[in-house]
């Protein structure tokens, strides 16, 4: 199955799932790249930017803010299911 979405996870008081605009997705994905600082020191920023641009051109990127409180787990799951129109 091909990759269709990327979820950038953040901890928050309540659950929220937002589809990101490409410019916001690119900035947040850049922050998630493993060893991006050494790549930058090696002059690979342009390559990294191109790879991120290709990726966000092919998949949806979401920011998923969710509580780490198990009492809110049902709300967290509901937020994901509501976004994708799936019923539990």
PDB file of N, CA and C in Angstrom:
ATOM      1  N   UNK A   1       0.844  -1.163   0.000  1.00  0.00           N
ATOM      2  CA  UNK A   1       0.000   0.000   0.000  1.00  0.00           C
ATOM      3  C   UNK A   1       0.899   1.240   0.000  1.00  0.00           C
ATOM      4  N   UNK A   2       0.688   2.175  -0.907  1.00  0.00           N
ATOM      5  CA  UNK A   2       1.522   3.384  -0.960  1.00  0.00           C
ATOM      6  C   UNK A   2       1.218   4.331   0.197  1.00  0.00           C
ATOM      7  N   UNK A   3       2.204   5.111   0.535  1.00  0.00           N
ATOM      8  CA  UNK A   3       2.051   6.128   1.575  1.00  0.00           C
ATOM      9  C   UNK A   3       1.034   7.162   1.102  1.00  0.00           C
ATOM     10  N   UNK A   4       0.054   7.485   1.944  1.00  0.00           N
ATOM     11  CA  UNK A   4      -0.960   8.457   1.545  1.00  0.00           C
ATOM     12  C   UNK A   4      -1.042   9.650   2.475  1.00  0.00           C
ATOM     13  N   UNK A   5      -0.453   9.546   3.671  1.00  0.00           N
ATOM     14  CA  UNK A   5      -0.515  10.664   4.613  1.00  0.00           C
ATOM     15  C   UNK A   5       0.641  10.579   5.596  1.00  0.00           C
ATOM     16  N   UNK A   6       1.010  11.746   6.097  1.00  0.00           N
ATOM     17  CA  UNK A   6       2.020  11.852   7.154  1.00  0.00           C
ATOM     18  C   UNK A   6       1.373  12.620   8.297  1.00  0.00           C
ATOM     19  N   UNK A   7       1.563  12.111   9.495  1.00  0.00           N
ATOM     20  CA  UNK A   7       1.034  12.763  10.689  1.00  0.00           C
ATOM     21  C   UNK A   7       2.200  13.237  11.538  1.00  0.00           C
ATOM     22  N   UNK A   8       2.269  14.538  11.750  1.00  0.00           N
ATOM     23  CA  UNK A   8       3.260  15.105  12.648  1.00  0.00           C
ATOM     24  C   UNK A   8       2.581  15.213  14.003  1.00  0.00           C
ATOM     25  N   UNK A   9       3.150  14.532  14.988  1.00  0.00           N
ATOM     26  CA  UNK A   9       2.513  14.426  16.296  1.00  0.00           C
ATOM     27  C   UNK A   9       3.038  15.478  17.259  1.00  0.00           C
ATOM     28  N   UNK A  10       2.107  16.065  17.993  1.00  0.00           N
ATOM     29  CA  UNK A  10       2.438  17.019  19.051  1.00  0.00           C
ATOM     30  C   UNK A  10       1.528  16.743  20.240  1.00  0.00           C
ATOM     31  N   UNK A  11       2.034  17.002  21.421  1.00  0.00           N
ATOM     32  CA  UNK A  11       1.239  16.874  22.631  1.00  0.00           C
ATOM     33  C   UNK A  11       0.504  18.179  22.887  1.00  0.00           C
ATOM     34  N   UNK A  12      -0.767  18.075  23.257  1.00  0.00           N
ATOM     35  CA  UNK A  12      -1.585  19.259  23.534  1.00  0.00           C
ATOM     36  C   UNK A  12      -2.632  18.891  24.584  1.00  0.00           C
ATOM     37  N   UNK A  13      -3.342  19.887  25.084  1.00  0.00           N
ATOM     38  CA  UNK A  13      -4.373  19.654  26.102  1.00  0.00           C
ATOM     39  C   UNK A  13      -5.573  18.920  25.524  1.00  0.00           C
ATOM     40  N   UNK A  14      -5.908  19.210  24.262  1.00  0.00           N
ATOM     41  CA  UNK A  14      -7.041  18.563  23.608  1.00  0.00           C
ATOM     42  C   UNK A  14      -6.605  18.063  22.232  1.00  0.00           C
ATOM     43  N   UNK A  15      -7.412  17.193  21.668  1.00  0.00           N
ATOM     44  CA  UNK A  15      -7.073  16.616  20.360  1.00  0.00           C
ATOM     45  C   UNK A  15      -7.530  17.515  19.227  1.00  0.00           C
ATOM     46  N   UNK A  16      -6.679  17.593  18.218  1.00  0.00           N
ATOM     47  CA  UNK A  16      -6.995  18.390  17.036  1.00  0.00           C
ATOM     48  C   UNK A  16      -6.189  17.838  15.873  1.00  0.00           C
ATOM     49  N   UNK A  17      -6.835  17.721  14.722  1.00  0.00           N
ATOM     50  CA  UNK A  17      -6.190  17.199  13.531  1.00  0.00           C
ATOM     51  C   UNK A  17      -6.363  18.216  12.412  1.00  0.00           C
ATOM     52  N   UNK A  18      -5.248  18.757  11.931  1.00  0.00           N
ATOM     53  CA  UNK A  18      -5.289  19.798  10.905  1.00  0.00           C
ATOM     54  C   UNK A  18      -4.510  19.363   9.674  1.00  0.00           C
ATOM     55  N   UNK A  19      -5.121  19.507   8.503  1.00  0.00           N
ATOM     56  CA  UNK A  19      -4.362  19.302   7.273  1.00  0.00           C
ATOM     57  C   UNK A  19      -3.542  20.559   7.033  1.00  0.00           C
ATOM     58  N   UNK A  20      -2.262  20.374   6.771  1.00  0.00           N
ATOM     59  CA  UNK A  20      -1.357  21.513   6.634  1.00  0.00           C
ATOM     60  C   UNK A  20      -1.252  21.990   5.190  1.00  0.00           C
ATOM     61  N   UNK A  21      -1.096  23.294   5.041  1.00  0.00           N
ATOM     62  CA  UNK A  21      -0.769  23.874   3.741  1.00  0.00           C
ATOM     63  C   UNK A  21       0.664  23.453   3.403  1.00  0.00           C
ATOM     64  N   UNK A  22       1.001  23.365   2.123  1.00  0.00           N
ATOM     65  CA  UNK A  22       2.335  22.880   1.747  1.00  0.00           C
ATOM     66  C   UNK A  22       3.496  23.621   2.413  1.00  0.00           C
ATOM     67  N   UNK A  23       3.411  24.928   2.524  1.00  0.00           N
ATOM     68  CA  UNK A  23       4.527  25.674   3.126  1.00  0.00           C
ATOM     69  C   UNK A  23       4.692  25.316   4.601  1.00  0.00           C
ATOM     70  N   UNK A  24       3.577  25.140   5.317  1.00  0.00           N
ATOM     71  CA  UNK A  24       3.649  24.757   6.722  1.00  0.00           C
ATOM     72  C   UNK A  24       4.128  23.315   6.859  1.00  0.00           C
ATOM     73  N   UNK A  25       3.650  22.452   5.971  1.00  0.00           N
ATOM     74  CA  UNK A  25       4.075  21.054   5.982  1.00  0.00           C
ATOM     75  C   UNK A  25       5.578  20.947   5.745  1.00  0.00           C
ATOM     76  N   UNK A  26       6.093  21.723   4.799  1.00  0.00           N
ATOM     77  CA  UNK A  26       7.523  21.679   4.495  1.00  0.00           C
ATOM     78  C   UNK A  26       8.355  22.095   5.701  1.00  0.00           C
ATOM     79  N   UNK A  27       7.933  23.150   6.385  1.00  0.00           N
ATOM     80  CA  UNK A  27       8.680  23.622   7.550  1.00  0.00           C
ATOM     81  C   UNK A  27       8.680  22.585   8.667  1.00  0.00           C
ATOM     82  N   UNK A  28       7.522  22.001   8.935  1.00  0.00           N
ATOM     83  CA  UNK A  28       7.453  21.015  10.015  1.00  0.00           C
ATOM     84  C   UNK A  28       8.168  19.715   9.656  1.00  0.00           C
ATOM     85  N   UNK A  29       8.074  19.308   8.393  1.00  0.00           N
ATOM     86  CA  UNK A  29       8.791  18.094   7.983  1.00  0.00           C
ATOM     87  C   UNK A  29      10.299  18.296   8.067  1.00  0.00           C
ATOM     88  N   UNK A  30      10.747  19.475   7.733  1.00  0.00           N
ATOM     89  CA  UNK A  30      12.186  19.783   7.828  1.00  0.00           C
ATOM     90  C   UNK A  30      12.676  19.586   9.250  1.00  0.00           C
ATOM     91  N   UNK A  31      11.849  19.980  10.213  1.00  0.00           N
ATOM     92  CA  UNK A  31      12.216  19.817  11.622  1.00  0.00           C
ATOM     93  C   UNK A  31      12.225  18.358  12.065  1.00  0.00           C
ATOM     94  N   UNK A  32      11.537  17.492  11.327  1.00  0.00           N
ATOM     95  CA  UNK A  32      11.432  16.082  11.702  1.00  0.00           C
ATOM     96  C   UNK A  32      12.502  15.199  11.052  1.00  0.00           C
ATOM     97  N   UNK A  33      13.265  15.748  10.139  1.00  0.00           N
ATOM     98  CA  UNK A  33      14.266  14.954   9.424  1.00  0.00           C
ATOM     99  C   UNK A  33      15.396  14.555  10.364  1.00  0.00           C
ATOM    100  N   UNK A  34      15.685  13.264  10.381  1.00  0.00           N
ATOM    101  CA  UNK A  34      16.770  12.747  11.210  1.00  0.00           C
ATOM    102  C   UNK A  34      18.105  13.238  10.671  1.00  0.00           C
ATOM    103  N   UNK A  35      18.898  13.804  11.532  1.00  0.00           N
ATOM    104  CA  UNK A  35      20.239  14.320  11.210  1.00  0.00           C
ATOM    105  C   UNK A  35      20.212  15.409  10.141  1.00  0.00           C
ATOM    106  N   UNK A  36      19.255  16.314  10.242  1.00  0.00           N
ATOM    107  CA  UNK A  36      19.183  17.393   9.256  1.00  0.00           C
ATOM    108  C   UNK A  36      20.302  18.413   9.440  1.00  0.00           C
ATOM    109  N   UNK A  37      20.761  18.598  10.669  1.00  0.00           N
ATOM    110  CA  UNK A  37      21.844  19.570  10.895  1.00  0.00           C
ATOM    111  C   UNK A  37      23.150  19.149  10.225  1.00  0.00           C
ATOM    112  N   UNK A  38      23.578  17.890  10.370  1.00  0.00           N
ATOM    113  CA  UNK A  38      24.785  17.488   9.625  1.00  0.00           C
ATOM    114  C   UNK A  38      24.606  17.621   8.110  1.00  0.00           C
ATOM    115  N   UNK A  39      23.407  17.311   7.622  1.00  0.00           N
ATOM    116  CA  UNK A  39      23.151  17.460   6.180  1.00  0.00           C
ATOM    117  C   UNK A  39      23.315  18.914   5.765  1.00  0.00           C
ATOM    118  N   UNK A  40      22.832  19.811   6.612  1.00  0.00           N
ATOM    119  CA  UNK A  40      22.963  21.244   6.320  1.00  0.00           C
ATOM    120  C   UNK A  40      24.437  21.657   6.275  1.00  0.00           C
ATOM    121  N   UNK A  41      25.221  21.157   7.224  1.00  0.00           N
ATOM    122  CA  UNK A  41      26.651  21.481   7.251  1.00  0.00           C
ATOM    123  C   UNK A  41      27.384  20.938   6.033  1.00  0.00           C
ATOM    124  N   UNK A  42      26.842  19.889   5.444  1.00  0.00           N
ATOM    125  CA  UNK A  42      27.451  19.306   4.249  1.00  0.00           C
ATOM    126  C   UNK A  42      26.927  19.945   2.957  1.00  0.00           C
ATOM    127  N   UNK A  43      26.090  20.978   3.111  1.00  0.00           N
ATOM    128  CA  UNK A  43      25.581  21.671   1.935  1.00  0.00           C
ATOM    129  C   UNK A  43      24.459  20.935   1.227  1.00  0.00           C
ATOM    130  N   UNK A  44      23.682  20.134   1.949  1.00  0.00           N
ATOM    131  CA  UNK A  44      22.635  19.332   1.329  1.00  0.00           C
ATOM    132  C   UNK A  44      21.236  19.912   1.514  1.00  0.00           C
ATOM    133  N   UNK A  45      21.136  21.182   1.914  1.00  0.00           N
ATOM    134  CA  UNK A  45      19.829  21.802   2.139  1.00  0.00           C
ATOM    135  C   UNK A  45      18.941  21.764   0.891  1.00  0.00           C
ATOM    136  N   UNK A  46      19.506  22.041  -0.263  1.00  0.00           N
ATOM    137  CA  UNK A  46      18.713  22.044  -1.506  1.00  0.00           C
ATOM    138  C   UNK A  46      18.170  20.651  -1.811  1.00  0.00           C
ATOM    139  N   UNK A  47      18.999  19.626  -1.591  1.00  0.00           N
ATOM    140  CA  UNK A  47      18.539  18.248  -1.814  1.00  0.00           C
ATOM    141  C   UNK A  47      17.408  17.897  -0.857  1.00  0.00           C
ATOM    142  N   UNK A  48      17.572  18.276   0.388  1.00  0.00           N
ATOM    143  CA  UNK A  48      16.547  17.995   1.388  1.00  0.00           C
ATOM    144  C   UNK A  48      15.245  18.721   1.040  1.00  0.00           C
ATOM    145  N   UNK A  49      15.348  19.970   0.624  1.00  0.00           N
ATOM    146  CA  UNK A  49      14.155  20.739   0.241  1.00  0.00           C
ATOM    147  C   UNK A  49      13.443  20.072  -0.932  1.00  0.00           C
ATOM    148  N   UNK A  50      14.202  19.625  -1.931  1.00  0.00           N
ATOM    149  CA  UNK A  50      13.600  18.947  -3.087  1.00  0.00           C
ATOM    150  C   UNK A  50      12.883  17.670  -2.668  1.00  0.00           C
ATOM    151  N   UNK A  51      13.499  16.900  -1.798  1.00  0.00           N
ATOM    152  CA  UNK A  51      12.876  15.651  -1.344  1.00  0.00           C
ATOM    153  C   UNK A  51      11.585  15.919  -0.576  1.00  0.00           C
ATOM    154  N   UNK A  52      11.600  16.935   0.268  1.00  0.00           N
ATOM    155  CA  UNK A  52      10.393  17.297   1.017  1.00  0.00           C
ATOM    156  C   UNK A  52       9.317  17.794   0.062  1.00  0.00           C
ATOM    157  N   UNK A  53       9.696  18.595  -0.928  1.00  0.00           N
ATOM    158  CA  UNK A  53       8.723  19.119  -1.896  1.00  0.00           C
ATOM    159  C   UNK A  53       8.066  17.989  -2.679  1.00  0.00           C
ATOM    160  N   UNK A  54       8.844  17.013  -3.095  1.00  0.00           N
ATOM    161  CA  UNK A  54       8.280  15.864  -3.809  1.00  0.00           C
ATOM    162  C   UNK A  54       7.322  15.102  -2.899  1.00  0.00           C
ATOM    163  N   UNK A  55       7.720  14.910  -1.664  1.00  0.00           N
ATOM    164  CA  UNK A  55       6.897  14.171  -0.709  1.00  0.00           C
ATOM    165  C   UNK A  55       5.557  14.862  -0.473  1.00  0.00           C
ATOM    166  N   UNK A  56       5.571  16.174  -0.212  1.00  0.00           N
ATOM    167  CA  UNK A  56       4.306  16.857   0.068  1.00  0.00           C
ATOM    168  C   UNK A  56       3.467  17.045  -1.197  1.00  0.00           C
ATOM    169  N   UNK A  57       4.067  16.841  -2.352  1.00  0.00           N
ATOM    170  CA  UNK A  57       3.299  16.838  -3.585  1.00  0.00           C
ATOM    171  C   UNK A  57       2.561  15.531  -3.815  1.00  0.00           C
ATOM    172  N   UNK A  58       2.916  14.510  -3.048  1.00  0.00           N
ATOM    173  CA  UNK A  58       2.329  13.188  -3.245  1.00  0.00           C
ATOM    174  C   UNK A  58       1.423  12.725  -2.110  1.00  0.00           C
ATOM    175  N   UNK A  59       1.573  13.315  -0.925  1.00  0.00           N
ATOM    176  CA  UNK A  59       0.795  12.860   0.237  1.00  0.00           C
ATOM    177  C   UNK A  59       0.224  14.056   0.998  1.00  0.00           C
ATOM    178  N   UNK A  60      -0.814  13.783   1.767  1.00  0.00           N
ATOM    179  CA  UNK A  60      -1.352  14.794   2.662  1.00  0.00           C
ATOM    180  C   UNK A  60      -0.485  14.810   3.921  1.00  0.00           C
ATOM    181  N   UNK A  61      -0.295  16.011   4.479  1.00  0.00           N
ATOM    182  CA  UNK A  61       0.467  16.141   5.718  1.00  0.00           C
ATOM    183  C   UNK A  61      -0.444  16.787   6.754  1.00  0.00           C
ATOM    184  N   UNK A  62      -0.516  16.139   7.914  1.00  0.00           N
ATOM    185  CA  UNK A  62      -1.380  16.599   8.990  1.00  0.00           C
ATOM    186  C   UNK A  62      -0.573  16.899  10.232  1.00  0.00           C
ATOM    187  N   UNK A  63      -1.044  17.876  10.981  1.00  0.00           N
ATOM    188  CA  UNK A  63      -0.552  18.120  12.328  1.00  0.00           C
ATOM    189  C   UNK A  63      -1.593  17.510  13.251  1.00  0.00           C
ATOM    190  N   UNK A  64      -1.160  16.558  14.060  1.00  0.00           N
ATOM    191  CA  UNK A  64      -2.066  15.874  14.974  1.00  0.00           C
ATOM    192  C   UNK A  64      -1.649  16.203  16.398  1.00  0.00           C
ATOM    193  N   UNK A  65      -2.405  17.119  16.989  1.00  0.00           N
ATOM    194  CA  UNK A  65      -2.188  17.480  18.384  1.00  0.00           C
ATOM    195  C   UNK A  65      -3.106  16.602  19.216  1.00  0.00           C
ATOM    196  N   UNK A  66      -2.540  15.939  20.210  1.00  0.00           N
ATOM    197  CA  UNK A  66      -3.363  15.052  21.009  1.00  0.00           C
ATOM    198  C   UNK A  66      -2.889  15.034  22.446  1.00  0.00           C
ATOM    199  N   UNK A  67      -3.843  14.777  23.307  1.00  0.00           N
ATOM    200  CA  UNK A  67      -3.569  14.673  24.730  1.00  0.00           C
ATOM    201  C   UNK A  67      -2.949  13.317  25.019  1.00  0.00           C
ATOM    202  N   UNK A  68      -2.056  13.276  25.958  1.00  0.00           N
ATOM    203  CA  UNK A  68      -1.459  12.012  26.368  1.00  0.00           C
ATOM    204  C   UNK A  68      -2.219  11.424  27.561  1.00  0.00           C
ATOM    205  N   UNK A  69      -3.404  11.946  27.803  1.00  0.00           N
ATOM    206  CA  UNK A  69      -4.256  11.525  28.907  1.00  0.00           C
ATOM    207  C   UNK A  69      -5.204  10.435  28.411  1.00  0.00           C
ATOM    208  N   UNK A  70      -5.120   9.254  28.993  1.00  0.00           N
ATOM    209  CA  UNK A  70      -5.961   8.145  28.542  1.00  0.00           C
ATOM    210  C   UNK A  70      -7.452   8.419  28.707  1.00  0.00           C
ATOM    211  N   UNK A  71      -7.825   9.344  29.588  1.00  0.00           N
ATOM    212  CA  UNK A  71      -9.247   9.654  29.738  1.00  0.00           C
ATOM    213  C   UNK A  71      -9.779  10.373  28.502  1.00  0.00           C
ATOM    214  N   UNK A  72      -8.887  10.908  27.669  1.00  0.00           N
ATOM    215  CA  UNK A  72      -9.291  11.600  26.448  1.00  0.00           C
ATOM    216  C   UNK A  72      -9.054  10.760  25.189  1.00  0.00           C
ATOM    217  N   UNK A  73      -8.724   9.499  25.381  1.00  0.00           N
ATOM    218  CA  UNK A  73      -8.415   8.640  24.240  1.00  0.00           C
ATOM    219  C   UNK A  73      -9.586   8.523  23.269  1.00  0.00           C
ATOM    220  N   UNK A  74     -10.808   8.404  23.780  1.00  0.00           N
ATOM    221  CA  UNK A  74     -11.973   8.318  22.899  1.00  0.00           C
ATOM    222  C   UNK A  74     -12.102   9.559  22.027  1.00  0.00           C
ATOM    223  N   UNK A  75     -11.861  10.736  22.594  1.00  0.00           N
ATOM    224  CA  UNK A  75     -11.922  11.983  21.825  1.00  0.00           C
ATOM    225  C   UNK A  75     -10.820  12.031  20.776  1.00  0.00           C
ATOM    226  N   UNK A  76      -9.659  11.523  21.124  1.00  0.00           N
ATOM    227  CA  UNK A  76      -8.540  11.501  20.179  1.00  0.00           C
ATOM    228  C   UNK A  76      -8.856  10.603  18.988  1.00  0.00           C
ATOM    229  N   UNK A  77      -9.354   9.426  19.260  1.00  0.00           N
ATOM    230  CA  UNK A  77      -9.732   8.497  18.189  1.00  0.00           C
ATOM    231  C   UNK A  77     -10.856   9.090  17.349  1.00  0.00           C
ATOM    232  N   UNK A  78     -11.828   9.717  17.997  1.00  0.00           N
ATOM    233  CA  UNK A  78     -12.958  10.328  17.283  1.00  0.00           C
ATOM    234  C   UNK A  78     -12.471  11.423  16.338  1.00  0.00           C
ATOM    235  N   UNK A  79     -11.467  12.194  16.739  1.00  0.00           N
ATOM    236  CA  UNK A  79     -10.941  13.256  15.887  1.00  0.00           C
ATOM    237  C   UNK A  79     -10.337  12.682  14.608  1.00  0.00           C
ATOM    238  N   UNK A  80      -9.628  11.582  14.732  1.00  0.00           N
ATOM    239  CA  UNK A  80      -9.041  10.943  13.558  1.00  0.00           C
ATOM    240  C   UNK A  80     -10.120  10.361  12.658  1.00  0.00           C
ATOM    241  N   UNK A  81     -11.054   9.643  13.259  1.00  0.00           N
ATOM    242  CA  UNK A  81     -12.115   9.022  12.463  1.00  0.00           C
ATOM    243  C   UNK A  81     -12.997  10.059  11.794  1.00  0.00           C
ATOM    244  N   UNK A  82     -13.263  11.174  12.465  1.00  0.00           N
ATOM    245  CA  UNK A  82     -14.099  12.235  11.876  1.00  0.00           C
ATOM    246  C   UNK A  82     -13.404  12.839  10.650  1.00  0.00           C
ATOM    247  N   UNK A  83     -12.123  13.003  10.715  1.00  0.00           N
ATOM    248  CA  UNK A  83     -11.370  13.616   9.613  1.00  0.00           C
ATOM    249  C   UNK A  83     -11.421  12.746   8.349  1.00  0.00           C
ATOM    250  N   UNK A  84     -11.401  11.441   8.555  1.00  0.00           N
ATOM    251  CA  UNK A  84     -11.325  10.532   7.423  1.00  0.00           C
ATOM    252  C   UNK A  84     -12.662   9.887   7.086  1.00  0.00           C
ATOM    253  N   UNK A  85     -13.724  10.304   7.768  1.00  0.00           N
ATOM    254  CA  UNK A  85     -15.058   9.821   7.441  1.00  0.00           C
ATOM    255  C   UNK A  85     -15.254   8.348   7.697  1.00  0.00           C
ATOM    256  N   UNK A  86     -14.529   7.802   8.648  1.00  0.00           N
ATOM    257  CA  UNK A  86     -14.638   6.393   8.978  1.00  0.00           C
ATOM    258  C   UNK A  86     -15.435   6.233  10.260  1.00  0.00           C
ATOM    259  N   UNK A  87     -16.294   5.258  10.273  1.00  0.00           N
ATOM    260  CA  UNK A  87     -17.061   4.993  11.488  1.00  0.00           C
ATOM    261  C   UNK A  87     -16.466   3.807  12.216  1.00  0.00           C
ATOM    262  N   UNK A  88     -16.409   3.921  13.543  1.00  0.00           N
ATOM    263  CA  UNK A  88     -15.847   2.838  14.369  1.00  0.00           C
ATOM    264  C   UNK A  88     -16.820   1.687  14.461  1.00  0.00           C
TER     265      UNK A  88
END
